[in-house]
Amino acid sequence: MNNAQVITVTSKGQIAIPKNIRELLDIESGDKLLIYTYGGTIMLKVLELPNPEEFKKLLDEAQEWAKKAGFKESEINEVIKEVRKEK
């Protein structure tokens, strides 16, 4: 925990990530972070989104798996609807 620092929340609820931590984690303007809580702790995680080529490759692999497993597109759409209802 040698990177622990005290920061201040602005009146708009904003915080600034200290420069040394941004540099350590290679966080740049426009990067996306995930924020979540656990008990009284707030955590931030840098999101590493796949580039379009990586995403297409992952999508193609998922579609191939679903085809081999015998899933129909209509079944997958129903599962997606059910999961969205639960949220």
N, C-alpha and C. Protein backbone atom coordinates (compact mmCIF):
# COMPACT_ATOMS: atom_id res chain seq x y z
N MET A 1 0.83 -1.19 0.00
CA MET A 1 0.00 0.00 0.00
C MET A 1 0.87 1.25 0.00
N ASN A 2 2.03 1.16 -0.60
CA ASN A 2 2.95 2.28 -0.64
C ASN A 2 2.52 3.37 -1.63
N ASN A 3 1.44 3.15 -2.39
CA ASN A 3 0.93 4.18 -3.30
C ASN A 3 -0.29 4.88 -2.72
N ALA A 4 -0.60 4.65 -1.45
CA ALA A 4 -1.77 5.27 -0.83
C ALA A 4 -1.56 6.78 -0.72
N GLN A 5 -2.60 7.53 -1.07
CA GLN A 5 -2.55 8.98 -0.99
C GLN A 5 -3.92 9.49 -0.59
N VAL A 6 -3.97 10.63 0.04
CA VAL A 6 -5.23 11.28 0.38
C VAL A 6 -5.59 12.23 -0.74
N ILE A 7 -6.82 12.13 -1.21
CA ILE A 7 -7.32 13.05 -2.25
C ILE A 7 -8.61 13.67 -1.74
N THR A 8 -9.06 14.72 -2.39
CA THR A 8 -10.25 15.46 -1.95
C THR A 8 -11.35 15.35 -3.01
N VAL A 9 -12.56 15.14 -2.56
CA VAL A 9 -13.72 15.11 -3.45
C VAL A 9 -14.21 16.54 -3.63
N THR A 10 -14.44 16.96 -4.88
CA THR A 10 -14.93 18.31 -5.15
C THR A 10 -16.42 18.41 -4.85
N SER A 11 -16.96 19.61 -4.92
CA SER A 11 -18.39 19.83 -4.69
C SER A 11 -19.25 19.12 -5.73
N LYS A 12 -18.67 18.80 -6.88
CA LYS A 12 -19.38 18.06 -7.93
C LYS A 12 -19.17 16.55 -7.81
N GLY A 13 -18.51 16.10 -6.75
CA GLY A 13 -18.27 14.67 -6.55
C GLY A 13 -17.11 14.13 -7.35
N GLN A 14 -16.26 15.00 -7.87
CA GLN A 14 -15.14 14.58 -8.71
C GLN A 14 -13.88 14.39 -7.88
N ILE A 15 -13.01 13.51 -8.38
CA ILE A 15 -11.70 13.32 -7.78
C ILE A 15 -10.65 13.37 -8.89
N ALA A 16 -9.42 13.61 -8.50
CA ALA A 16 -8.31 13.57 -9.46
C ALA A 16 -7.40 12.42 -9.04
N ILE A 17 -7.00 11.62 -10.01
CA ILE A 17 -6.04 10.55 -9.74
C ILE A 17 -4.65 11.18 -9.79
N PRO A 18 -3.89 11.05 -8.72
CA PRO A 18 -2.57 11.66 -8.69
C PRO A 18 -1.69 11.22 -9.87
N LYS A 19 -0.86 12.15 -10.34
CA LYS A 19 -0.03 11.92 -11.52
C LYS A 19 0.83 10.67 -11.39
N ASN A 20 1.46 10.45 -10.24
CA ASN A 20 2.34 9.29 -10.11
C ASN A 20 1.56 7.97 -10.24
N ILE A 21 0.32 7.95 -9.79
CA ILE A 21 -0.49 6.73 -9.95
C ILE A 21 -0.93 6.57 -11.40
N ARG A 22 -1.31 7.68 -12.05
CA ARG A 22 -1.68 7.60 -13.48
C ARG A 22 -0.50 7.08 -14.29
N GLU A 23 0.69 7.55 -14.00
CA GLU A 23 1.89 7.10 -14.72
C GLU A 23 2.19 5.63 -14.42
N LEU A 24 2.06 5.24 -13.15
CA LEU A 24 2.32 3.86 -12.75
C LEU A 24 1.39 2.88 -13.47
N LEU A 25 0.13 3.27 -13.63
CA LEU A 25 -0.86 2.40 -14.27
C LEU A 25 -1.10 2.73 -15.74
N ASP A 26 -0.34 3.66 -16.27
CA ASP A 26 -0.45 4.08 -17.67
C ASP A 26 -1.88 4.51 -18.02
N ILE A 27 -2.46 5.33 -17.14
CA ILE A 27 -3.81 5.86 -17.35
C ILE A 27 -3.68 7.18 -18.09
N GLU A 28 -4.40 7.29 -19.21
CA GLU A 28 -4.36 8.51 -20.02
C GLU A 28 -5.75 9.10 -20.16
N SER A 29 -5.81 10.34 -20.58
CA SER A 29 -7.08 11.01 -20.81
C SER A 29 -7.95 10.18 -21.75
N GLY A 30 -9.20 9.99 -21.38
CA GLY A 30 -10.12 9.21 -22.22
C GLY A 30 -10.20 7.74 -21.84
N ASP A 31 -9.26 7.24 -21.04
CA ASP A 31 -9.32 5.84 -20.60
C ASP A 31 -10.57 5.64 -19.74
N LYS A 32 -11.10 4.42 -19.77
CA LYS A 32 -12.28 4.08 -18.98
C LYS A 32 -11.87 3.34 -17.72
N LEU A 33 -12.52 3.69 -16.62
CA LEU A 33 -12.29 3.02 -15.35
C LEU A 33 -13.61 2.46 -14.85
N LEU A 34 -13.54 1.33 -14.18
CA LEU A 34 -14.69 0.74 -13.52
C LEU A 34 -14.60 1.10 -12.05
N ILE A 35 -15.70 1.59 -11.48
CA ILE A 35 -15.71 1.91 -10.06
C ILE A 35 -16.73 1.00 -9.39
N TYR A 36 -16.34 0.41 -8.28
CA TYR A 36 -17.27 -0.43 -7.54
C TYR A 36 -16.94 -0.36 -6.06
N THR A 37 -17.87 -0.83 -5.25
CA THR A 37 -17.69 -0.76 -3.81
C THR A 37 -17.73 -2.15 -3.20
N TYR A 38 -17.06 -2.27 -2.09
CA TYR A 38 -17.09 -3.49 -1.30
C TYR A 38 -17.08 -3.04 0.16
N GLY A 39 -18.24 -3.17 0.80
CA GLY A 39 -18.36 -2.63 2.16
C GLY A 39 -18.15 -1.12 2.10
N GLY A 40 -17.25 -0.61 2.89
CA GLY A 40 -16.96 0.82 2.90
C GLY A 40 -15.79 1.21 2.02
N THR A 41 -15.39 0.30 1.12
CA THR A 41 -14.23 0.55 0.26
C THR A 41 -14.67 0.85 -1.16
N ILE A 42 -14.07 1.86 -1.77
CA ILE A 42 -14.30 2.19 -3.18
C ILE A 42 -13.07 1.74 -3.95
N MET A 43 -13.29 1.02 -5.04
CA MET A 43 -12.18 0.54 -5.85
C MET A 43 -12.34 1.00 -7.29
N LEU A 44 -11.23 1.29 -7.93
CA LEU A 44 -11.20 1.65 -9.35
C LEU A 44 -10.37 0.61 -10.08
N LYS A 45 -10.81 0.25 -11.28
CA LYS A 45 -10.06 -0.69 -12.11
C LYS A 45 -10.00 -0.14 -13.52
N VAL A 46 -8.83 -0.15 -14.10
CA VAL A 46 -8.67 0.30 -15.48
C VAL A 46 -9.31 -0.74 -16.39
N LEU A 47 -10.19 -0.29 -17.28
CA LEU A 47 -10.81 -1.19 -18.24
C LEU A 47 -9.94 -1.28 -19.48
N GLU A 48 -9.62 -2.47 -19.86
CA GLU A 48 -8.86 -2.68 -21.08
C GLU A 48 -9.80 -3.25 -22.13
N LEU A 49 -10.34 -2.36 -22.94
CA LEU A 49 -11.29 -2.76 -23.97
C LEU A 49 -10.55 -3.34 -25.17
N PRO A 50 -11.08 -4.41 -25.75
CA PRO A 50 -10.41 -4.98 -26.92
C PRO A 50 -10.53 -4.03 -28.11
N ASN A 51 -9.52 -4.06 -28.97
CA ASN A 51 -9.63 -3.25 -30.19
C ASN A 51 -10.62 -3.96 -31.12
N PRO A 52 -11.11 -3.29 -32.16
CA PRO A 52 -12.13 -3.89 -33.03
C PRO A 52 -11.74 -5.26 -33.60
N GLU A 53 -10.48 -5.45 -33.96
CA GLU A 53 -10.05 -6.74 -34.51
C GLU A 53 -10.13 -7.84 -33.45
N GLU A 54 -9.68 -7.52 -32.23
CA GLU A 54 -9.75 -8.50 -31.13
C GLU A 54 -11.20 -8.84 -30.83
N PHE A 55 -12.07 -7.80 -30.80
CA PHE A 55 -13.48 -8.03 -30.50
C PHE A 55 -14.12 -8.92 -31.55
N LYS A 56 -13.83 -8.67 -32.83
CA LYS A 56 -14.40 -9.50 -33.90
C LYS A 56 -13.93 -10.95 -33.76
N LYS A 57 -12.66 -11.14 -33.41
CA LYS A 57 -12.13 -12.48 -33.23
C LYS A 57 -12.87 -13.20 -32.09
N LEU A 58 -13.05 -12.50 -30.97
CA LEU A 58 -13.77 -13.08 -29.84
C LEU A 58 -15.22 -13.40 -30.21
N LEU A 59 -15.87 -12.51 -30.94
CA LEU A 59 -17.24 -12.73 -31.37
C LEU A 59 -17.34 -13.93 -32.30
N ASP A 60 -16.40 -14.02 -33.23
CA ASP A 60 -16.39 -15.17 -34.16
C ASP A 60 -16.21 -16.48 -33.40
N GLU A 61 -15.32 -16.49 -32.40
CA GLU A 61 -15.10 -17.69 -31.59
C GLU A 61 -16.36 -18.07 -30.83
N ALA A 62 -17.04 -17.07 -30.27
CA ALA A 62 -18.27 -17.33 -29.51
C ALA A 62 -19.37 -17.87 -30.43
N GLN A 63 -19.47 -17.32 -31.62
CA GLN A 63 -20.48 -17.79 -32.56
C GLN A 63 -20.18 -19.22 -33.01
N GLU A 64 -18.93 -19.54 -33.21
CA GLU A 64 -18.55 -20.89 -33.61
C GLU A 64 -18.85 -21.88 -32.48
N TRP A 65 -18.54 -21.48 -31.25
CA TRP A 65 -18.84 -22.34 -30.10
C TRP A 65 -20.34 -22.61 -30.00
N ALA A 66 -21.15 -21.54 -30.12
CA ALA A 66 -22.60 -21.68 -30.02
C ALA A 66 -23.14 -22.59 -31.12
N LYS A 67 -22.59 -22.47 -32.31
CA LYS A 67 -23.02 -23.30 -33.43
C LYS A 67 -22.70 -24.78 -33.14
N LYS A 68 -21.47 -25.04 -32.68
CA LYS A 68 -21.07 -26.42 -32.36
C LYS A 68 -21.90 -26.99 -31.21
N ALA A 69 -22.29 -26.14 -30.27
CA ALA A 69 -23.07 -26.59 -29.11
C ALA A 69 -24.54 -26.79 -29.47
N GLY A 70 -24.92 -26.37 -30.67
CA GLY A 70 -26.29 -26.56 -31.12
C GLY A 70 -27.28 -25.48 -30.72
N PHE A 71 -26.78 -24.33 -30.30
CA PHE A 71 -27.67 -23.24 -29.94
C PHE A 71 -28.24 -22.58 -31.19
N LYS A 72 -29.51 -22.18 -31.09
CA LYS A 72 -30.15 -21.42 -32.16
C LYS A 72 -30.13 -19.94 -31.76
N GLU A 73 -30.10 -19.08 -32.75
CA GLU A 73 -30.05 -17.64 -32.48
C GLU A 73 -31.23 -17.20 -31.61
N SER A 74 -32.41 -17.75 -31.87
CA SER A 74 -33.60 -17.38 -31.08
C SER A 74 -33.43 -17.75 -29.61
N GLU A 75 -32.77 -18.89 -29.34
CA GLU A 75 -32.53 -19.30 -27.95
C GLU A 75 -31.59 -18.33 -27.25
N ILE A 76 -30.57 -17.93 -27.95
CA ILE A 76 -29.60 -17.00 -27.37
C ILE A 76 -30.26 -15.66 -27.09
N ASN A 77 -31.10 -15.19 -28.01
CA ASN A 77 -31.81 -13.92 -27.80
C ASN A 77 -32.71 -13.99 -26.57
N GLU A 78 -33.36 -15.14 -26.34
CA GLU A 78 -34.20 -15.30 -25.16
C GLU A 78 -33.38 -15.25 -23.87
N VAL A 79 -32.23 -15.90 -23.88
CA VAL A 79 -31.36 -15.87 -22.71
C VAL A 79 -30.92 -14.44 -22.42
N ILE A 80 -30.56 -13.70 -23.44
CA ILE A 80 -30.15 -12.29 -23.27
C ILE A 80 -31.28 -11.49 -22.66
N LYS A 81 -32.51 -11.67 -23.16
CA LYS A 81 -33.67 -10.95 -22.61
C LYS A 81 -33.87 -11.27 -21.13
N GLU A 82 -33.75 -12.54 -20.77
CA GLU A 82 -33.93 -12.95 -19.39
C GLU A 82 -32.87 -12.34 -18.47
N VAL A 83 -31.64 -12.34 -18.91
CA VAL A 83 -30.57 -11.76 -18.10
C VAL A 83 -30.79 -10.26 -17.93
N ARG A 84 -31.21 -9.60 -18.98
CA ARG A 84 -31.46 -8.14 -18.89
C ARG A 84 -32.61 -7.84 -17.92
N LYS A 85 -33.63 -8.70 -17.87
CA LYS A 85 -34.75 -8.51 -16.95
C LYS A 85 -34.27 -8.61 -15.51
N GLU A 86 -33.32 -9.51 -15.24
CA GLU A 86 -32.82 -9.72 -13.90
C GLU A 86 -32.06 -8.51 -13.38
N LYS A 87 -31.49 -7.72 -14.26
CA LYS A 87 -30.72 -6.55 -13.84
C LYS A 87 -31.69 -5.44 -13.60
